[in-house]
N, C-alpha and C. Protein backbone atom coordinates (compact mmCIF):
# COMPACT_ATOMS: atom_id res chain seq x y z
N MET A 1 198.42 71.34 160.05
CA MET A 1 197.08 71.47 160.73
C MET A 1 196.83 70.19 161.59
N LEU A 2 196.67 70.38 162.96
CA LEU A 2 196.42 69.29 163.85
C LEU A 2 194.80 69.16 164.14
N LEU A 3 194.17 68.08 164.02
CA LEU A 3 192.84 67.73 164.49
C LEU A 3 192.80 67.17 165.85
N ALA A 4 192.06 67.73 166.79
CA ALA A 4 192.06 67.16 168.28
C ALA A 4 190.74 66.64 168.46
N ILE A 5 190.50 65.46 169.03
CA ILE A 5 189.24 64.69 169.25
C ILE A 5 189.32 64.23 170.64
N ASP A 6 188.12 64.68 171.40
CA ASP A 6 187.93 64.20 172.67
C ASP A 6 186.45 63.71 172.86
N THR A 7 186.40 62.47 173.06
CA THR A 7 185.12 61.76 173.43
C THR A 7 185.23 60.91 174.66
N ALA A 8 186.15 61.30 175.55
CA ALA A 8 186.48 60.43 176.68
C ALA A 8 185.16 60.20 177.59
N THR A 9 184.25 61.16 177.65
CA THR A 9 183.04 60.97 178.48
C THR A 9 181.87 61.40 177.60
N GLN A 10 180.88 61.82 178.31
CA GLN A 10 179.55 62.09 177.39
C GLN A 10 179.71 63.49 176.86
N PHE A 11 180.79 64.00 177.05
CA PHE A 11 181.15 65.35 176.43
C PHE A 11 182.00 65.08 175.27
N LEU A 12 181.65 65.90 174.12
CA LEU A 12 182.50 65.78 172.84
C LEU A 12 183.04 67.15 172.57
N SER A 13 184.40 67.23 172.20
CA SER A 13 185.16 68.49 171.94
C SER A 13 186.06 68.16 170.75
N LEU A 14 186.00 69.16 169.75
CA LEU A 14 186.98 68.98 168.57
C LEU A 14 187.48 70.26 168.54
N ALA A 15 188.78 70.19 167.94
CA ALA A 15 189.56 71.44 167.66
C ALA A 15 190.47 71.31 166.35
N LEU A 16 190.77 72.44 165.85
CA LEU A 16 191.73 72.53 164.67
C LEU A 16 192.67 73.59 165.18
N HIS A 17 194.10 73.18 165.15
CA HIS A 17 195.10 74.01 165.49
C HIS A 17 196.22 74.00 164.44
N ASP A 18 196.81 75.15 163.98
CA ASP A 18 197.64 75.29 162.87
C ASP A 18 199.10 75.40 163.37
N GLN A 19 199.40 75.11 164.75
CA GLN A 19 200.58 75.22 165.44
C GLN A 19 200.89 76.68 166.00
N HIS A 20 200.18 77.61 165.48
CA HIS A 20 200.32 79.11 165.94
C HIS A 20 198.95 79.55 166.47
N THR A 21 197.85 79.12 165.90
CA THR A 21 196.52 79.60 166.24
C THR A 21 195.56 78.52 166.34
N LEU A 22 194.70 78.65 167.37
CA LEU A 22 193.54 77.80 167.55
C LEU A 22 192.47 78.21 166.46
N ILE A 23 192.41 77.56 165.35
CA ILE A 23 191.50 77.80 164.21
C ILE A 23 190.04 77.52 164.53
N ALA A 24 189.63 76.62 165.24
CA ALA A 24 188.24 76.32 165.62
C ALA A 24 188.28 75.38 166.67
N GLU A 25 187.14 75.51 167.58
CA GLU A 25 186.92 74.53 168.68
C GLU A 25 185.32 74.50 168.86
N GLN A 26 184.93 73.31 169.10
CA GLN A 26 183.53 73.02 169.43
C GLN A 26 183.47 72.10 170.56
N SER A 27 182.53 72.27 171.58
CA SER A 27 182.46 71.43 172.70
C SER A 27 180.97 71.49 173.04
N TRP A 28 180.50 70.17 173.33
CA TRP A 28 179.07 70.19 173.80
C TRP A 28 178.80 68.73 174.40
N GLN A 29 177.71 68.61 175.16
CA GLN A 29 177.24 67.41 175.86
C GLN A 29 176.55 66.55 174.58
N THR A 30 176.83 65.44 174.48
CA THR A 30 176.27 64.59 173.51
C THR A 30 175.53 63.22 174.08
N GLY A 31 175.73 63.09 175.54
CA GLY A 31 175.17 61.92 175.97
C GLY A 31 176.05 60.72 175.53
N ASN A 32 175.40 59.70 175.00
CA ASN A 32 175.91 58.52 174.51
C ASN A 32 175.86 58.34 172.89
N ARG A 33 176.04 59.52 172.34
CA ARG A 33 175.84 59.60 170.80
C ARG A 33 177.01 59.77 170.12
N HIS A 34 178.17 59.62 170.69
CA HIS A 34 179.43 59.85 169.97
C HIS A 34 179.48 59.09 168.77
N ASN A 35 178.98 57.78 168.78
CA ASN A 35 179.04 56.93 167.44
C ASN A 35 178.38 57.53 166.30
N THR A 36 177.25 58.38 166.60
CA THR A 36 176.44 58.73 165.40
C THR A 36 176.87 60.29 165.06
N LEU A 37 177.46 60.96 166.05
CA LEU A 37 177.83 62.31 165.86
C LEU A 37 179.38 62.72 165.41
N LEU A 38 180.03 61.87 165.82
CA LEU A 38 181.65 62.24 165.73
C LEU A 38 182.18 62.44 164.31
N ALA A 39 181.87 61.50 163.37
CA ALA A 39 182.42 61.48 161.98
C ALA A 39 181.79 62.68 161.32
N ILE A 40 180.30 62.92 161.47
CA ILE A 40 179.87 64.11 160.80
C ILE A 40 180.27 65.46 161.36
N SER A 41 180.49 65.42 162.59
CA SER A 41 180.93 66.57 163.37
C SER A 41 182.43 66.91 162.95
N ILE A 42 183.35 66.00 162.64
CA ILE A 42 184.63 66.26 162.23
C ILE A 42 184.59 66.86 160.80
N GLN A 43 183.64 66.23 159.86
CA GLN A 43 183.54 66.74 158.46
C GLN A 43 183.04 68.11 158.48
N THR A 44 182.11 68.42 159.49
CA THR A 44 181.50 69.78 159.50
C THR A 44 182.59 70.76 159.89
N ILE A 45 183.24 70.60 160.88
CA ILE A 45 184.36 71.62 161.34
C ILE A 45 185.34 71.87 160.33
N LEU A 46 185.71 70.73 159.54
CA LEU A 46 186.68 70.94 158.42
C LEU A 46 186.07 71.73 157.31
N ASN A 47 184.73 71.46 157.02
CA ASN A 47 184.09 72.21 156.03
C ASN A 47 183.97 73.83 156.29
N GLN A 48 183.51 73.99 157.62
CA GLN A 48 183.33 75.39 158.08
C GLN A 48 184.69 76.19 158.03
N CYS A 49 185.86 75.50 158.21
CA CYS A 49 187.19 76.19 158.19
C CYS A 49 187.88 76.08 156.87
N GLU A 50 187.11 75.43 155.90
CA GLU A 50 187.66 75.29 154.55
C GLU A 50 189.08 74.52 154.62
N VAL A 51 189.09 73.50 155.50
CA VAL A 51 190.31 72.73 155.54
C VAL A 51 190.02 71.44 155.04
N LYS A 52 190.74 70.98 153.92
CA LYS A 52 190.71 69.59 153.33
C LYS A 52 191.34 68.57 154.17
N PRO A 53 190.87 67.39 154.10
CA PRO A 53 191.47 66.30 155.01
C PRO A 53 192.88 66.16 154.79
N ASP A 54 193.34 66.29 153.43
CA ASP A 54 194.75 66.20 153.08
C ASP A 54 195.65 67.26 153.67
N ALA A 55 195.07 68.25 154.18
CA ALA A 55 195.86 69.41 154.90
C ALA A 55 196.32 69.14 156.24
N LEU A 56 195.61 68.00 156.82
CA LEU A 56 195.91 67.59 158.16
C LEU A 56 197.39 67.04 158.15
N THR A 57 198.13 67.55 159.31
CA THR A 57 199.55 67.05 159.51
C THR A 57 199.63 66.02 160.72
N ALA A 58 198.64 66.19 161.59
CA ALA A 58 198.73 65.39 162.78
C ALA A 58 197.35 65.31 163.40
N VAL A 59 197.17 64.15 164.17
CA VAL A 59 195.83 63.96 164.95
C VAL A 59 196.18 63.81 166.42
N ALA A 60 195.34 64.39 167.42
CA ALA A 60 195.44 64.19 168.69
C ALA A 60 194.12 63.71 169.13
N VAL A 61 194.23 62.71 170.20
CA VAL A 61 192.95 62.20 170.72
C VAL A 61 193.11 61.87 172.21
N SER A 62 191.94 62.12 172.96
CA SER A 62 191.94 61.86 174.34
C SER A 62 191.93 60.35 174.55
N ILE A 63 192.88 59.83 175.33
CA ILE A 63 192.87 58.40 175.46
C ILE A 63 192.27 58.00 177.04
N GLY A 64 191.62 58.99 177.62
CA GLY A 64 191.13 58.61 178.91
C GLY A 64 191.92 58.85 180.05
N PRO A 65 191.57 58.44 181.19
CA PRO A 65 190.49 57.60 181.54
C PRO A 65 189.11 58.24 181.27
N GLY A 66 188.08 57.56 181.18
CA GLY A 66 186.71 57.95 180.85
C GLY A 66 185.81 56.76 180.74
N SER A 67 184.78 56.84 179.79
CA SER A 67 183.91 55.87 179.52
C SER A 67 184.49 54.95 178.42
N TYR A 68 184.10 53.63 178.55
CA TYR A 68 184.51 52.67 177.62
C TYR A 68 184.06 53.09 176.19
N THR A 69 182.70 53.31 176.08
CA THR A 69 182.14 53.53 174.75
C THR A 69 182.74 54.78 174.12
N GLY A 70 182.76 55.79 174.86
CA GLY A 70 183.27 57.20 174.35
C GLY A 70 184.67 56.97 173.92
N LEU A 71 185.61 56.49 174.72
CA LEU A 71 186.97 56.23 174.38
C LEU A 71 187.18 55.34 173.05
N ARG A 72 186.37 54.29 173.20
CA ARG A 72 186.47 53.40 171.81
C ARG A 72 186.02 53.95 170.57
N VAL A 73 185.09 54.85 170.73
CA VAL A 73 184.69 55.59 169.36
C VAL A 73 185.69 56.53 169.05
N GLY A 74 186.19 57.47 169.76
CA GLY A 74 187.09 58.49 169.57
C GLY A 74 188.41 57.88 169.12
N VAL A 75 189.04 56.95 169.95
CA VAL A 75 190.26 56.45 169.56
C VAL A 75 190.28 55.75 168.17
N ALA A 76 189.17 54.86 167.99
CA ALA A 76 189.09 54.22 166.74
C ALA A 76 189.14 55.08 165.53
N LEU A 77 188.36 56.19 165.66
CA LEU A 77 188.15 57.00 164.40
C LEU A 77 189.42 57.91 164.17
N ALA A 78 190.07 58.21 165.38
CA ALA A 78 191.42 58.94 165.24
C ALA A 78 192.42 58.19 164.62
N LYS A 79 192.51 56.92 165.04
CA LYS A 79 193.45 55.83 164.51
C LYS A 79 193.20 55.72 162.92
N GLY A 80 191.89 55.68 162.53
CA GLY A 80 191.67 55.54 161.10
C GLY A 80 192.08 56.69 160.35
N ILE A 81 191.83 57.92 160.86
CA ILE A 81 192.28 59.17 160.14
C ILE A 81 193.68 59.22 160.01
N ALA A 82 194.33 59.02 161.19
CA ALA A 82 196.01 58.95 161.11
C ALA A 82 196.47 57.98 160.15
N GLN A 83 195.97 56.83 160.27
CA GLN A 83 196.63 55.65 159.32
C GLN A 83 196.41 55.96 157.92
N MET A 84 195.14 56.45 157.65
CA MET A 84 194.83 56.79 156.17
C MET A 84 195.62 57.93 155.68
N GLY A 85 196.07 58.84 156.44
CA GLY A 85 196.76 60.01 155.99
C GLY A 85 198.26 59.86 156.33
N HIS A 86 198.68 58.77 157.05
CA HIS A 86 200.07 58.52 157.48
C HIS A 86 200.57 59.64 158.17
N LEU A 87 199.61 60.04 159.33
CA LEU A 87 200.02 61.04 160.13
C LEU A 87 200.35 60.61 161.61
N PRO A 88 201.06 61.24 162.36
CA PRO A 88 201.34 61.09 163.79
C PRO A 88 199.99 61.19 164.52
N LEU A 89 199.82 60.38 165.47
CA LEU A 89 198.62 60.29 166.40
C LEU A 89 199.18 60.41 167.84
N VAL A 90 198.77 61.45 168.52
CA VAL A 90 199.15 61.81 169.84
C VAL A 90 198.10 61.55 170.78
N GLY A 91 198.27 60.51 171.65
CA GLY A 91 197.28 60.26 172.76
C GLY A 91 197.59 61.09 173.91
N ILE A 92 196.57 61.72 174.55
CA ILE A 92 196.78 62.65 175.66
C ILE A 92 195.67 62.29 176.68
N SER A 93 196.14 62.12 177.96
CA SER A 93 195.20 61.85 179.01
C SER A 93 194.04 62.87 179.17
N SER A 94 192.84 62.52 179.40
CA SER A 94 191.78 63.42 179.60
C SER A 94 191.93 64.35 180.78
N LEU A 95 192.57 63.82 181.78
CA LEU A 95 192.78 64.64 182.96
C LEU A 95 194.00 65.73 182.85
N ASP A 96 194.99 65.22 181.96
CA ASP A 96 196.11 66.14 181.58
C ASP A 96 195.55 67.29 180.70
N THR A 97 194.61 66.93 179.85
CA THR A 97 194.05 68.15 179.01
C THR A 97 193.16 69.08 179.92
N LEU A 98 192.54 68.43 180.98
CA LEU A 98 191.81 69.28 181.94
C LEU A 98 192.66 70.14 182.60
N ALA A 99 193.93 69.72 183.08
CA ALA A 99 194.82 70.37 183.96
C ALA A 99 195.51 71.32 183.21
N ALA A 100 195.76 71.15 181.92
CA ALA A 100 196.38 72.08 181.06
C ALA A 100 195.47 73.45 180.92
N SER A 101 194.19 73.26 181.09
CA SER A 101 193.37 74.56 181.00
C SER A 101 193.20 75.31 182.24
N GLN A 102 193.91 74.86 183.35
CA GLN A 102 193.52 75.64 184.58
C GLN A 102 194.55 76.67 184.93
N PRO A 103 194.23 77.93 185.36
CA PRO A 103 195.15 78.85 185.72
C PRO A 103 195.52 78.43 187.15
N PHE A 104 196.70 78.98 187.62
CA PHE A 104 197.19 78.71 188.98
C PHE A 104 197.38 79.97 189.71
N HIS A 105 196.41 80.43 190.45
CA HIS A 105 196.50 81.74 191.12
C HIS A 105 197.25 81.37 192.44
N ASN A 106 197.30 80.18 192.92
CA ASN A 106 198.04 79.99 194.06
C ASN A 106 198.85 78.66 193.83
N THR A 107 200.12 78.69 193.63
CA THR A 107 200.78 77.52 193.35
C THR A 107 201.00 76.54 194.43
N LYS A 108 200.52 76.95 195.69
CA LYS A 108 200.61 76.03 196.78
C LYS A 108 199.43 75.10 196.85
N HIS A 109 198.31 75.26 196.04
CA HIS A 109 197.14 74.54 195.93
C HIS A 109 197.52 73.31 195.34
N THR A 110 196.69 72.35 195.56
CA THR A 110 196.65 70.95 194.68
C THR A 110 195.42 71.03 193.82
N LEU A 111 195.48 70.65 192.54
CA LEU A 111 194.42 70.57 191.62
C LEU A 111 193.84 69.22 191.67
N LEU A 112 192.57 68.98 191.93
CA LEU A 112 191.85 67.71 191.80
C LEU A 112 191.18 67.74 190.41
N ALA A 113 191.67 66.92 189.48
CA ALA A 113 190.95 66.96 188.17
C ALA A 113 190.19 65.68 188.12
N VAL A 114 188.98 65.93 187.66
CA VAL A 114 187.81 64.98 187.90
C VAL A 114 187.07 64.62 186.50
N VAL A 115 186.75 63.43 186.15
CA VAL A 115 185.83 63.06 185.00
C VAL A 115 184.86 62.10 185.67
N GLN A 116 183.70 61.91 185.05
CA GLN A 116 182.76 61.09 185.47
C GLN A 116 182.97 59.67 184.99
N ALA A 117 182.63 58.70 185.77
CA ALA A 117 182.97 57.23 185.40
C ALA A 117 181.60 56.52 185.30
N GLY A 118 180.42 57.09 185.68
CA GLY A 118 179.27 56.34 185.52
C GLY A 118 178.79 55.60 186.93
N ARG A 119 177.56 55.28 187.19
CA ARG A 119 177.15 54.59 188.32
C ARG A 119 177.56 55.22 189.51
N GLY A 120 177.65 56.60 189.81
CA GLY A 120 177.90 57.26 191.00
C GLY A 120 179.43 57.30 191.22
N ARG A 121 180.21 56.99 190.21
CA ARG A 121 181.61 56.88 190.54
C ARG A 121 182.36 58.06 189.72
N ILE A 122 183.41 58.37 190.17
CA ILE A 122 184.22 59.45 189.43
C ILE A 122 185.76 58.87 189.30
N ILE A 123 186.52 59.47 188.26
CA ILE A 123 187.90 59.21 188.15
C ILE A 123 188.62 60.53 188.60
N ALA A 124 189.55 60.58 189.42
CA ALA A 124 190.31 61.71 189.83
C ALA A 124 191.77 61.50 190.06
N ALA A 125 192.57 62.59 189.99
CA ALA A 125 193.92 62.61 190.17
C ALA A 125 194.34 63.99 190.63
N PRO A 126 195.31 64.01 191.46
CA PRO A 126 195.81 65.19 192.06
C PRO A 126 196.99 65.70 191.12
N TYR A 127 196.94 67.16 190.96
CA TYR A 127 198.10 67.76 190.19
C TYR A 127 198.70 68.89 190.94
N ARG A 128 199.96 69.04 190.85
CA ARG A 128 200.68 70.10 191.59
C ARG A 128 201.42 71.03 190.41
N VAL A 129 201.61 72.31 190.67
CA VAL A 129 202.45 73.09 189.69
C VAL A 129 203.86 72.88 189.85
N LYS A 130 204.46 72.34 188.76
CA LYS A 130 205.94 72.06 188.63
C LYS A 130 206.34 72.68 187.32
N LYS A 131 207.51 73.30 187.26
CA LYS A 131 208.05 73.90 186.07
C LYS A 131 207.12 74.74 185.23
N GLY A 132 206.15 75.51 185.90
CA GLY A 132 205.25 76.39 185.42
C GLY A 132 203.99 75.84 184.85
N ARG A 133 203.75 74.47 185.09
CA ARG A 133 202.57 73.84 184.65
C ARG A 133 202.06 72.88 185.51
N TRP A 134 200.76 72.48 185.43
CA TRP A 134 200.12 71.49 186.23
C TRP A 134 200.74 70.09 185.84
N MET A 135 201.19 69.32 186.73
CA MET A 135 201.70 67.99 186.48
C MET A 135 201.13 67.08 187.46
N ALA A 136 200.79 65.72 186.97
CA ALA A 136 200.03 64.86 187.89
C ALA A 136 201.03 64.37 189.09
N ASP A 137 200.44 64.42 190.24
CA ASP A 137 201.30 63.98 191.37
C ASP A 137 201.22 62.45 191.68
N GLU A 138 200.03 61.89 191.14
CA GLU A 138 199.69 60.51 191.45
C GLU A 138 198.94 59.95 190.33
N ASP A 139 198.82 58.62 189.97
CA ASP A 139 197.94 58.09 189.07
C ASP A 139 196.44 58.31 189.25
N PRO A 140 195.69 58.35 188.37
CA PRO A 140 194.22 58.49 188.45
C PRO A 140 193.73 57.39 189.25
N THR A 141 192.62 57.59 190.00
CA THR A 141 191.84 56.49 190.70
C THR A 141 190.43 56.50 190.35
N LEU A 142 189.82 55.37 190.50
CA LEU A 142 188.41 55.21 190.28
C LEU A 142 187.85 55.26 191.71
N THR A 143 186.94 56.18 191.88
CA THR A 143 186.59 56.40 193.33
C THR A 143 185.07 57.06 193.31
N THR A 144 184.73 57.56 194.57
CA THR A 144 183.41 58.24 194.72
C THR A 144 183.73 59.61 195.38
N TRP A 145 182.70 60.55 195.32
CA TRP A 145 182.98 61.81 195.85
C TRP A 145 183.31 61.79 197.34
N ASP A 146 182.53 60.93 198.07
CA ASP A 146 182.53 60.63 199.56
C ASP A 146 184.02 60.15 199.86
N LYS A 147 184.47 59.24 199.21
CA LYS A 147 185.78 58.60 199.52
C LYS A 147 186.96 59.64 199.12
N LEU A 148 186.78 60.29 197.96
CA LEU A 148 187.80 61.26 197.45
C LEU A 148 188.06 62.33 198.56
N LEU A 149 186.94 63.06 198.98
CA LEU A 149 187.03 64.08 199.83
C LEU A 149 187.32 63.72 201.17
N THR A 150 186.73 62.54 201.83
CA THR A 150 187.21 62.13 203.09
C THR A 150 188.67 61.72 203.18
N ASP A 151 189.22 61.28 202.21
CA ASP A 151 190.67 60.83 202.25
C ASP A 151 191.62 61.87 202.01
N LEU A 152 191.16 63.13 201.63
CA LEU A 152 192.11 64.14 201.26
C LEU A 152 193.22 64.45 202.40
N PRO A 153 194.44 64.49 202.11
CA PRO A 153 195.53 64.96 202.93
C PRO A 153 195.32 66.42 203.29
N ASP A 154 195.93 66.79 204.39
CA ASP A 154 195.78 68.22 204.70
C ASP A 154 196.34 69.17 203.44
N GLY A 155 195.77 70.36 203.34
CA GLY A 155 196.16 71.15 202.35
C GLY A 155 195.17 72.02 201.73
N SER A 156 195.29 72.78 200.71
CA SER A 156 194.29 73.48 199.91
C SER A 156 194.14 73.07 198.49
N TYR A 157 192.94 72.94 198.16
CA TYR A 157 192.64 72.36 196.82
C TYR A 157 191.76 73.15 195.95
N TYR A 158 192.03 73.07 194.67
CA TYR A 158 191.10 73.34 193.58
C TYR A 158 190.47 72.19 193.06
N VAL A 159 189.19 72.35 192.86
CA VAL A 159 188.52 71.08 192.24
C VAL A 159 187.96 71.46 190.81
N SER A 160 188.23 70.72 189.75
CA SER A 160 187.89 71.04 188.31
C SER A 160 187.47 69.87 187.67
N GLY A 161 186.69 70.06 186.61
CA GLY A 161 186.41 68.96 185.72
C GLY A 161 184.82 68.71 185.80
N GLU A 162 184.42 67.45 185.71
CA GLU A 162 183.09 67.07 185.57
C GLU A 162 182.39 66.89 187.02
N VAL A 163 182.13 68.08 187.48
CA VAL A 163 181.50 67.96 188.83
C VAL A 163 180.04 68.07 188.84
N ASP A 164 179.34 66.94 189.05
CA ASP A 164 177.88 66.84 188.91
C ASP A 164 177.31 67.34 190.29
N GLU A 165 175.87 67.19 190.26
CA GLU A 165 175.15 67.72 191.49
C GLU A 165 175.70 67.28 192.64
N GLU A 166 175.83 65.82 192.79
CA GLU A 166 176.33 65.27 193.97
C GLU A 166 177.64 65.83 194.35
N GLY A 167 178.54 65.85 193.49
CA GLY A 167 179.94 66.53 193.63
C GLY A 167 179.75 67.88 194.29
N ARG A 168 178.89 68.86 193.67
CA ARG A 168 178.81 70.11 194.21
C ARG A 168 178.26 70.10 195.69
N ALA A 169 177.36 69.13 196.02
CA ALA A 169 176.87 69.11 197.24
C ALA A 169 177.88 68.59 198.25
N ARG A 170 178.68 67.72 197.90
CA ARG A 170 179.67 67.10 198.68
C ARG A 170 180.80 68.17 198.98
N ILE A 171 181.09 68.95 197.89
CA ILE A 171 182.21 69.89 197.97
C ILE A 171 181.64 71.01 199.11
N ALA A 172 180.31 71.39 198.88
CA ALA A 172 179.75 72.45 199.85
C ALA A 172 179.72 71.82 201.23
N GLU A 173 179.58 70.58 201.52
CA GLU A 173 179.49 70.02 202.74
C GLU A 173 180.95 69.96 203.40
N HIS A 174 181.87 69.82 202.59
CA HIS A 174 183.25 69.51 203.03
C HIS A 174 183.85 70.67 203.58
N THR A 175 183.80 70.98 204.98
CA THR A 175 184.28 72.15 205.43
C THR A 175 185.46 72.03 206.36
N ARG A 176 186.25 70.94 206.10
CA ARG A 176 187.51 70.69 207.00
C ARG A 176 188.51 71.89 206.82
N ASP A 177 188.75 72.54 207.94
CA ASP A 177 189.90 73.55 207.88
C ASP A 177 191.16 73.13 207.27
N THR A 178 191.48 71.83 207.62
CA THR A 178 192.67 71.14 207.11
C THR A 178 192.74 71.03 205.55
N ALA A 179 191.69 70.99 204.89
CA ALA A 179 191.62 70.68 203.51
C ALA A 179 190.56 71.50 202.83
N PRO A 180 190.69 72.80 202.85
CA PRO A 180 189.65 73.69 202.19
C PRO A 180 189.58 73.45 200.58
N LEU A 181 188.41 73.51 200.10
CA LEU A 181 188.23 73.29 198.72
C LEU A 181 187.72 74.55 197.85
N THR A 182 188.22 74.83 196.78
CA THR A 182 187.64 75.92 195.79
C THR A 182 187.21 75.24 194.67
N LEU A 183 185.92 75.38 194.21
CA LEU A 183 185.38 74.90 193.07
C LEU A 183 185.71 75.71 191.83
N VAL A 184 186.48 75.33 190.86
CA VAL A 184 186.88 76.15 189.83
C VAL A 184 185.58 76.57 188.93
N SER A 185 185.69 77.77 188.30
CA SER A 185 184.45 78.22 187.63
C SER A 185 184.02 77.18 186.43
N ALA A 186 182.78 77.29 186.14
CA ALA A 186 182.19 76.27 185.11
C ALA A 186 182.91 76.35 183.70
N ALA A 187 183.40 77.60 183.36
CA ALA A 187 184.16 77.61 182.10
C ALA A 187 185.42 76.97 182.18
N HIS A 188 186.26 77.01 183.21
CA HIS A 188 187.43 76.36 183.35
C HIS A 188 187.27 74.80 183.61
N ARG A 189 186.14 74.63 184.15
CA ARG A 189 185.98 73.03 184.42
C ARG A 189 185.59 72.25 183.12
N THR A 190 185.31 73.11 182.07
CA THR A 190 185.03 72.47 180.73
C THR A 190 186.28 71.85 180.04
N ARG A 191 186.33 70.62 179.80
CA ARG A 191 187.38 69.88 179.08
C ARG A 191 187.49 70.27 177.64
N ARG A 192 188.31 70.93 177.11
CA ARG A 192 188.44 71.47 175.81
C ARG A 192 189.39 70.96 174.90
N ALA A 193 188.98 70.58 173.59
CA ALA A 193 189.96 69.99 172.67
C ALA A 193 191.06 71.01 172.15
N GLY A 194 190.86 72.21 172.45
CA GLY A 194 191.89 73.18 172.10
C GLY A 194 193.13 73.06 173.02
N PHE A 195 192.87 72.68 174.35
CA PHE A 195 193.97 72.28 175.17
C PHE A 195 194.50 70.85 174.90
N LEU A 196 193.80 70.00 174.50
CA LEU A 196 194.28 68.77 174.02
C LEU A 196 195.25 68.95 172.84
N ALA A 197 194.85 69.85 172.01
CA ALA A 197 195.55 70.11 170.71
C ALA A 197 196.97 70.86 171.23
N GLN A 198 196.90 71.74 172.15
CA GLN A 198 198.04 72.40 172.68
C GLN A 198 199.11 71.38 173.35
N GLU A 199 198.54 70.43 174.12
CA GLU A 199 199.27 69.55 174.72
C GLU A 199 200.02 68.52 173.71
N ALA A 200 199.36 68.12 172.69
CA ALA A 200 199.80 67.31 171.63
C ALA A 200 200.94 67.93 170.88
N LEU A 201 200.70 69.26 170.50
CA LEU A 201 201.71 70.02 169.82
C LEU A 201 202.99 70.17 170.81
N ARG A 202 202.96 70.24 172.08
CA ARG A 202 203.92 70.49 172.85
C ARG A 202 204.76 69.04 172.71
N LEU A 203 204.24 67.98 172.83
CA LEU A 203 204.85 66.63 172.66
C LEU A 203 205.53 66.49 171.24
N LEU A 204 204.71 66.92 170.21
CA LEU A 204 205.34 66.85 168.80
C LEU A 204 206.55 67.65 168.57
N ASP A 205 206.59 68.64 169.36
CA ASP A 205 207.66 69.73 169.12
C ASP A 205 208.89 69.17 169.82
N SER A 206 208.87 68.20 170.83
CA SER A 206 209.88 67.80 171.67
C SER A 206 210.30 66.28 171.37
N HIS A 207 209.56 65.61 170.46
CA HIS A 207 209.85 64.19 170.25
C HIS A 207 209.77 63.89 168.70
N PRO A 208 210.44 63.01 168.26
CA PRO A 208 210.38 62.69 166.68
C PRO A 208 209.07 62.16 166.48
N HIS A 209 208.53 62.39 165.34
CA HIS A 209 207.17 62.05 165.02
C HIS A 209 207.00 60.56 164.88
N THR A 210 208.17 59.79 164.69
CA THR A 210 207.98 58.32 164.64
C THR A 210 207.62 57.65 166.06
N ASP A 211 207.78 58.51 167.05
CA ASP A 211 207.19 58.03 168.51
C ASP A 211 205.77 58.08 168.56
N PHE A 212 205.09 58.57 167.56
CA PHE A 212 203.55 58.67 167.57
C PHE A 212 202.75 57.89 166.44
N GLU A 213 203.25 56.57 166.51
CA GLU A 213 202.53 55.71 165.47
C GLU A 213 201.11 55.46 166.04
N ALA A 214 200.13 55.46 165.02
CA ALA A 214 198.82 55.37 165.38
C ALA A 214 198.52 54.00 166.11
N ALA A 215 199.21 52.93 165.59
CA ALA A 215 198.99 51.59 166.09
C ALA A 215 199.43 51.49 167.60
N LYS A 216 200.26 52.34 168.12
CA LYS A 216 200.70 52.25 169.44
C LYS A 216 199.69 52.97 170.50
N VAL A 217 198.70 53.76 169.96
CA VAL A 217 197.85 54.49 170.86
C VAL A 217 196.75 53.53 171.39
N GLN A 218 196.62 53.50 172.79
CA GLN A 218 195.59 52.71 173.37
C GLN A 218 194.85 53.39 174.34
N PRO A 219 193.58 53.20 174.46
CA PRO A 219 192.80 53.90 175.59
C PRO A 219 193.28 53.49 177.01
N ILE A 220 193.05 54.28 177.95
CA ILE A 220 193.24 54.03 179.31
C ILE A 220 191.86 53.74 180.01
N TYR A 221 191.64 52.52 180.44
CA TYR A 221 190.51 52.18 181.13
C TYR A 221 190.77 51.74 182.55
N LEU A 222 190.01 52.29 183.47
CA LEU A 222 190.26 52.04 184.90
C LEU A 222 189.04 51.08 185.31
N LYS A 223 189.51 50.14 185.95
CA LYS A 223 188.45 49.13 186.58
C LYS A 223 188.56 49.16 188.12
N SER A 224 187.27 48.75 188.75
CA SER A 224 187.25 48.71 190.20
C SER A 224 188.25 47.62 190.77
N GLU A 225 188.76 47.90 191.85
CA GLU A 225 189.75 46.72 192.33
C GLU A 225 189.05 45.77 193.15
């Protein structure tokens, strides 16, 4: 049984996956209360599914990019659970998790995956469909909606992730024929721990578990240049 934890931003998501079935998933906005809600929420989801802690065989955690506080809380607790149970800990990018949940109706489109970074900034990265899945085309960057949309190369784009009111307004204003934008539906824009679990299981299936020592997992923090 794999436990997946995502606290990369002000959104919290948990999941339990038994390698064949997504047993449970909970996702909700928590603001900056991860430190008070995370441990009790994990205990609650385990109790609701009648899963004892010693039944866990692996842990997955979002390593960002995202907010400093959210990442610190989630990664620290995931490390503690993994180390206590001598379990593999798989760190997954928050943007990779988001991309994994997106359908690709048109494989010629580029996906812009976005998370909030606070103070009017966002973190974004472009993804393209390769070998049947969305894969990052470039490293994530810390930017703003105006800069991100103004600097887009020609092409067609899906936009998904944490798109706030400013982002929706900027996307609506962005009418360049050379770079048309499609805002993904709200349900698909939600970053879900079920897909974090799915990505972690994919890696566990293709790599030795010794590659996933808890001590090696580190958060991804992006800073302004």
